[in-house]
Amino acid sequence: MQLFVSELILFNIMFHGEFALCMLIRLLVYYWYANEIMEQSSNIAIAVWESEWYDEPQRVKQMMLMMIMRSNKPLVLDIGPFSTMTLSTFLRILKATYSYMMIMYR
């Protein structure tokens, strides 16, 4: 927004463009790793099931079954009460931002 108020010289354009790009990359990194946490947490049940847990003592079998039951619900990072952090959420934010900018500065 400040770019539209200040003078349109090359330095200002480059500075604001670089700043916006750095913020986008920063958000992408956050959402990428949040998405990876969600995907990898869903693979825990498969990894436990493929191990030879059935040859273990009864106590270990019970713990493994509890781990399988718990890992059926994936771990997610929340954006407060709004949504979870995934790459699809990141894309929705980018689309909404683009739409807002096109409506406001058209």
N, C-alpha and C. Protein backbone atom coordinates (compact mmCIF):
# COMPACT_ATOMS: atom_id res chain seq x y z
N MET A 1 0.81 -1.18 0.00
CA MET A 1 0.00 0.00 0.00
C MET A 1 0.86 1.26 0.00
N GLN A 2 1.96 1.18 0.68
CA GLN A 2 2.84 2.33 0.75
C GLN A 2 3.46 2.62 -0.61
N LEU A 3 3.59 1.59 -1.45
CA LEU A 3 4.16 1.79 -2.77
C LEU A 3 3.30 2.71 -3.60
N PHE A 4 1.99 2.65 -3.45
CA PHE A 4 1.10 3.49 -4.24
C PHE A 4 1.08 4.93 -3.75
N VAL A 5 1.47 5.15 -2.50
CA VAL A 5 1.48 6.50 -1.93
C VAL A 5 2.80 7.20 -2.22
N SER A 6 3.90 6.46 -2.19
CA SER A 6 5.21 7.08 -2.38
C SER A 6 5.51 7.26 -3.87
N GLU A 7 6.61 7.89 -4.14
CA GLU A 7 7.03 8.13 -5.53
C GLU A 7 7.36 6.81 -6.20
N LEU A 8 7.05 6.72 -7.47
CA LEU A 8 7.35 5.51 -8.22
C LEU A 8 8.74 5.61 -8.84
N ILE A 9 9.74 5.45 -7.99
CA ILE A 9 11.11 5.39 -8.49
C ILE A 9 11.57 3.95 -8.40
N LEU A 10 12.59 3.63 -9.13
CA LEU A 10 13.05 2.24 -9.24
C LEU A 10 13.41 1.66 -7.88
N PHE A 11 14.03 2.44 -7.01
CA PHE A 11 14.43 1.94 -5.70
C PHE A 11 13.21 1.51 -4.88
N ASN A 12 12.16 2.35 -4.86
CA ASN A 12 10.96 2.01 -4.10
C ASN A 12 10.28 0.76 -4.64
N ILE A 13 10.20 0.65 -5.95
CA ILE A 13 9.58 -0.52 -6.56
C ILE A 13 10.36 -1.78 -6.22
N MET A 14 11.69 -1.71 -6.33
CA MET A 14 12.52 -2.88 -6.01
C MET A 14 12.43 -3.23 -4.52
N PHE A 15 12.45 -2.22 -3.67
CA PHE A 15 12.41 -2.47 -2.24
C PHE A 15 11.10 -3.14 -1.84
N HIS A 16 9.98 -2.60 -2.30
CA HIS A 16 8.67 -3.16 -1.93
C HIS A 16 8.44 -4.53 -2.58
N GLY A 17 8.94 -4.70 -3.79
CA GLY A 17 8.83 -6.00 -4.44
C GLY A 17 9.64 -7.07 -3.71
N GLU A 18 10.86 -6.71 -3.31
CA GLU A 18 11.71 -7.64 -2.57
C GLU A 18 11.09 -7.96 -1.21
N PHE A 19 10.55 -6.96 -0.57
CA PHE A 19 9.90 -7.17 0.73
C PHE A 19 8.72 -8.13 0.60
N ALA A 20 7.87 -7.91 -0.40
CA ALA A 20 6.71 -8.78 -0.62
C ALA A 20 7.14 -10.19 -0.95
N LEU A 21 8.17 -10.35 -1.76
CA LEU A 21 8.68 -11.67 -2.11
C LEU A 21 9.23 -12.39 -0.88
N CYS A 22 9.96 -11.68 -0.03
CA CYS A 22 10.50 -12.29 1.20
C CYS A 22 9.37 -12.73 2.14
N MET A 23 8.33 -11.92 2.24
CA MET A 23 7.19 -12.30 3.09
C MET A 23 6.46 -13.52 2.53
N LEU A 24 6.32 -13.60 1.22
CA LEU A 24 5.69 -14.76 0.60
C LEU A 24 6.52 -16.03 0.82
N ILE A 25 7.82 -15.90 0.68
CA ILE A 25 8.69 -17.07 0.91
C ILE A 25 8.63 -17.50 2.36
N ARG A 26 8.61 -16.54 3.26
CA ARG A 26 8.51 -16.86 4.69
C ARG A 26 7.21 -17.60 5.00
N LEU A 27 6.09 -17.11 4.48
CA LEU A 27 4.82 -17.79 4.68
C LEU A 27 4.82 -19.18 4.04
N LEU A 28 5.42 -19.29 2.86
CA LEU A 28 5.49 -20.58 2.19
C LEU A 28 6.25 -21.60 3.04
N VAL A 29 7.34 -21.18 3.64
CA VAL A 29 8.11 -22.08 4.49
C VAL A 29 7.28 -22.54 5.69
N TYR A 30 6.59 -21.63 6.34
CA TYR A 30 5.74 -22.00 7.47
C TYR A 30 4.68 -23.00 7.07
N TYR A 31 3.97 -22.69 5.98
CA TYR A 31 2.88 -23.56 5.55
C TYR A 31 3.40 -24.88 4.99
N TRP A 32 4.56 -24.87 4.35
CA TRP A 32 5.14 -26.10 3.82
C TRP A 32 5.45 -27.07 4.96
N TYR A 33 6.11 -26.60 5.99
CA TYR A 33 6.47 -27.49 7.08
C TYR A 33 5.26 -27.91 7.91
N ALA A 34 4.27 -27.06 8.04
CA ALA A 34 3.02 -27.45 8.71
C ALA A 34 2.33 -28.55 7.91
N ASN A 35 2.36 -28.45 6.60
CA ASN A 35 1.79 -29.49 5.75
C ASN A 35 2.57 -30.79 5.89
N GLU A 36 3.89 -30.70 5.96
CA GLU A 36 4.72 -31.90 6.14
C GLU A 36 4.45 -32.58 7.48
N ILE A 37 4.26 -31.80 8.53
CA ILE A 37 3.93 -32.37 9.84
C ILE A 37 2.63 -33.15 9.75
N MET A 38 1.64 -32.60 9.08
CA MET A 38 0.36 -33.26 8.93
C MET A 38 0.49 -34.56 8.14
N GLU A 39 1.24 -34.52 7.03
CA GLU A 39 1.40 -35.72 6.21
C GLU A 39 2.20 -36.80 6.92
N GLN A 40 3.28 -36.41 7.58
CA GLN A 40 4.11 -37.41 8.26
C GLN A 40 3.42 -38.01 9.47
N SER A 41 2.59 -37.23 10.14
CA SER A 41 1.88 -37.78 11.29
C SER A 41 0.86 -38.83 10.88
N SER A 42 0.34 -38.72 9.66
CA SER A 42 -0.59 -39.74 9.20
C SER A 42 0.13 -41.03 8.80
N ASN A 43 1.44 -40.98 8.59
CA ASN A 43 2.21 -42.17 8.25
C ASN A 43 2.67 -42.96 9.48
N ILE A 44 2.46 -42.42 10.67
CA ILE A 44 2.90 -43.11 11.88
C ILE A 44 2.17 -44.42 12.06
N ALA A 45 0.87 -44.43 11.86
CA ALA A 45 0.08 -45.66 12.03
C ALA A 45 0.54 -46.74 11.07
N ILE A 46 0.84 -46.36 9.85
CA ILE A 46 1.31 -47.34 8.86
C ILE A 46 2.66 -47.91 9.27
N ALA A 47 3.55 -47.04 9.75
CA ALA A 47 4.88 -47.50 10.17
C ALA A 47 4.80 -48.45 11.36
N VAL A 48 3.93 -48.15 12.32
CA VAL A 48 3.78 -49.02 13.48
C VAL A 48 3.16 -50.36 13.05
N TRP A 49 2.17 -50.31 12.18
CA TRP A 49 1.51 -51.53 11.73
C TRP A 49 2.47 -52.44 10.96
N GLU A 50 3.38 -51.84 10.17
CA GLU A 50 4.31 -52.64 9.39
C GLU A 50 5.47 -53.19 10.21
N SER A 51 5.65 -52.69 11.42
CA SER A 51 6.68 -53.27 12.29
C SER A 51 6.18 -54.61 12.82
N GLU A 52 7.05 -55.39 13.37
CA GLU A 52 6.66 -56.72 13.87
C GLU A 52 6.20 -56.60 15.32
N TRP A 53 5.15 -55.84 15.53
CA TRP A 53 4.62 -55.60 16.86
C TRP A 53 3.92 -56.82 17.43
N TYR A 54 3.46 -57.71 16.59
CA TYR A 54 2.71 -58.89 17.05
C TYR A 54 3.61 -59.92 17.72
N ASP A 55 4.95 -59.79 17.57
CA ASP A 55 5.88 -60.69 18.24
C ASP A 55 6.32 -60.17 19.61
N GLU A 56 5.82 -59.03 20.01
CA GLU A 56 6.21 -58.38 21.26
C GLU A 56 5.32 -58.85 22.41
N PRO A 57 5.76 -58.55 23.65
CA PRO A 57 4.92 -58.88 24.82
C PRO A 57 3.59 -58.11 24.79
N GLN A 58 2.64 -58.58 25.60
CA GLN A 58 1.30 -58.02 25.61
C GLN A 58 1.30 -56.52 25.93
N ARG A 59 2.12 -56.08 26.85
CA ARG A 59 2.18 -54.65 27.21
C ARG A 59 2.60 -53.80 26.02
N VAL A 60 3.58 -54.27 25.26
CA VAL A 60 4.05 -53.53 24.09
C VAL A 60 2.96 -53.52 23.02
N LYS A 61 2.25 -54.62 22.85
CA LYS A 61 1.15 -54.68 21.89
C LYS A 61 0.08 -53.64 22.22
N GLN A 62 -0.24 -53.53 23.49
CA GLN A 62 -1.25 -52.55 23.89
C GLN A 62 -0.79 -51.11 23.61
N MET A 63 0.48 -50.85 23.91
CA MET A 63 1.01 -49.50 23.64
C MET A 63 1.03 -49.20 22.14
N MET A 64 1.39 -50.20 21.35
CA MET A 64 1.41 -50.00 19.90
C MET A 64 0.00 -49.77 19.35
N LEU A 65 -0.97 -50.51 19.85
CA LEU A 65 -2.35 -50.30 19.41
C LEU A 65 -2.85 -48.91 19.81
N MET A 66 -2.48 -48.46 21.01
CA MET A 66 -2.86 -47.10 21.42
C MET A 66 -2.21 -46.06 20.51
N MET A 67 -0.96 -46.32 20.11
CA MET A 67 -0.27 -45.40 19.21
C MET A 67 -0.96 -45.37 17.84
N ILE A 68 -1.38 -46.52 17.35
CA ILE A 68 -2.09 -46.59 16.07
C ILE A 68 -3.42 -45.84 16.16
N MET A 69 -4.14 -46.04 17.25
CA MET A 69 -5.42 -45.37 17.42
C MET A 69 -5.23 -43.86 17.51
N ARG A 70 -4.21 -43.41 18.22
CA ARG A 70 -3.96 -41.98 18.37
C ARG A 70 -3.52 -41.34 17.07
N SER A 71 -2.76 -42.07 16.27
CA SER A 71 -2.23 -41.48 15.05
C SER A 71 -3.24 -41.48 13.90
N ASN A 72 -4.44 -41.99 14.12
CA ASN A 72 -5.47 -41.89 13.08
C ASN A 72 -5.93 -40.45 12.90
N LYS A 73 -5.79 -39.63 13.92
CA LYS A 73 -6.09 -38.20 13.81
C LYS A 73 -4.77 -37.48 13.58
N PRO A 74 -4.57 -36.85 12.42
CA PRO A 74 -3.26 -36.25 12.12
C PRO A 74 -2.97 -35.02 12.99
N LEU A 75 -1.69 -34.80 13.21
CA LEU A 75 -1.26 -33.59 13.92
C LEU A 75 -1.35 -32.41 12.96
N VAL A 76 -1.88 -31.32 13.42
CA VAL A 76 -1.99 -30.12 12.57
C VAL A 76 -1.59 -28.90 13.37
N LEU A 77 -1.13 -27.89 12.67
CA LEU A 77 -0.87 -26.59 13.27
C LEU A 77 -2.05 -25.70 12.91
N ASP A 78 -2.62 -25.06 13.91
CA ASP A 78 -3.81 -24.24 13.70
C ASP A 78 -3.44 -22.78 13.52
N ILE A 79 -4.28 -22.07 12.78
CA ILE A 79 -4.18 -20.62 12.65
C ILE A 79 -5.24 -20.05 13.59
N GLY A 80 -4.99 -20.16 14.85
CA GLY A 80 -5.98 -19.70 15.83
C GLY A 80 -7.26 -20.49 15.67
N PRO A 81 -8.40 -19.84 15.81
CA PRO A 81 -9.67 -20.55 15.65
C PRO A 81 -10.13 -20.64 14.19
N PHE A 82 -9.32 -20.16 13.24
CA PHE A 82 -9.77 -20.02 11.86
C PHE A 82 -9.64 -21.30 11.04
N SER A 83 -8.44 -21.84 10.95
CA SER A 83 -8.21 -22.97 10.05
C SER A 83 -6.91 -23.65 10.44
N THR A 84 -6.54 -24.67 9.67
CA THR A 84 -5.27 -25.34 9.88
C THR A 84 -4.28 -24.88 8.82
N MET A 85 -3.00 -25.01 9.13
CA MET A 85 -1.97 -24.59 8.20
C MET A 85 -1.65 -25.74 7.24
N THR A 86 -2.06 -25.59 6.01
CA THR A 86 -1.71 -26.53 4.94
C THR A 86 -1.38 -25.71 3.69
N LEU A 87 -0.88 -26.38 2.68
CA LEU A 87 -0.56 -25.66 1.45
C LEU A 87 -1.83 -25.16 0.76
N SER A 88 -2.92 -25.89 0.89
CA SER A 88 -4.16 -25.41 0.28
C SER A 88 -4.65 -24.14 0.98
N THR A 89 -4.45 -24.04 2.29
CA THR A 89 -4.81 -22.81 3.00
C THR A 89 -3.94 -21.65 2.54
N PHE A 90 -2.67 -21.92 2.33
CA PHE A 90 -1.75 -20.90 1.83
C PHE A 90 -2.20 -20.39 0.46
N LEU A 91 -2.59 -21.30 -0.41
CA LEU A 91 -3.07 -20.89 -1.74
C LEU A 91 -4.36 -20.09 -1.66
N ARG A 92 -5.25 -20.47 -0.73
CA ARG A 92 -6.48 -19.69 -0.56
C ARG A 92 -6.17 -18.28 -0.08
N ILE A 93 -5.19 -18.13 0.81
CA ILE A 93 -4.79 -16.80 1.28
C ILE A 93 -4.23 -15.98 0.13
N LEU A 94 -3.39 -16.60 -0.71
CA LEU A 94 -2.82 -15.87 -1.85
C LEU A 94 -3.91 -15.45 -2.84
N LYS A 95 -4.87 -16.33 -3.09
CA LYS A 95 -5.96 -15.99 -4.00
C LYS A 95 -6.81 -14.85 -3.45
N ALA A 96 -7.09 -14.91 -2.15
CA ALA A 96 -7.89 -13.85 -1.53
C ALA A 96 -7.14 -12.52 -1.56
N THR A 97 -5.84 -12.56 -1.30
CA THR A 97 -5.03 -11.34 -1.33
C THR A 97 -4.99 -10.75 -2.73
N TYR A 98 -4.81 -11.60 -3.73
CA TYR A 98 -4.79 -11.13 -5.11
C TYR A 98 -6.14 -10.51 -5.49
N SER A 99 -7.21 -11.16 -5.11
CA SER A 99 -8.54 -10.63 -5.42
C SER A 99 -8.76 -9.27 -4.75
N TYR A 100 -8.35 -9.17 -3.50
CA TYR A 100 -8.48 -7.90 -2.77
C TYR A 100 -7.68 -6.79 -3.45
N MET A 101 -6.46 -7.10 -3.83
CA MET A 101 -5.62 -6.08 -4.47
C MET A 101 -6.19 -5.66 -5.82
N MET A 102 -6.75 -6.60 -6.57
CA MET A 102 -7.32 -6.25 -7.88
C MET A 102 -8.57 -5.40 -7.73
N ILE A 103 -9.36 -5.66 -6.71
CA ILE A 103 -10.56 -4.86 -6.49
C ILE A 103 -10.21 -3.47 -5.99
N MET A 104 -9.27 -3.37 -5.08
CA MET A 104 -8.93 -2.09 -4.46
C MET A 104 -8.16 -1.16 -5.41
N TYR A 105 -7.31 -1.69 -6.24
CA TYR A 105 -6.43 -0.84 -7.05
C TYR A 105 -6.71 -0.98 -8.53
N ARG A 106 -7.94 -1.17 -8.88
CA ARG A 106 -8.29 -1.27 -10.28
C ARG A 106 -8.69 0.03 -10.84
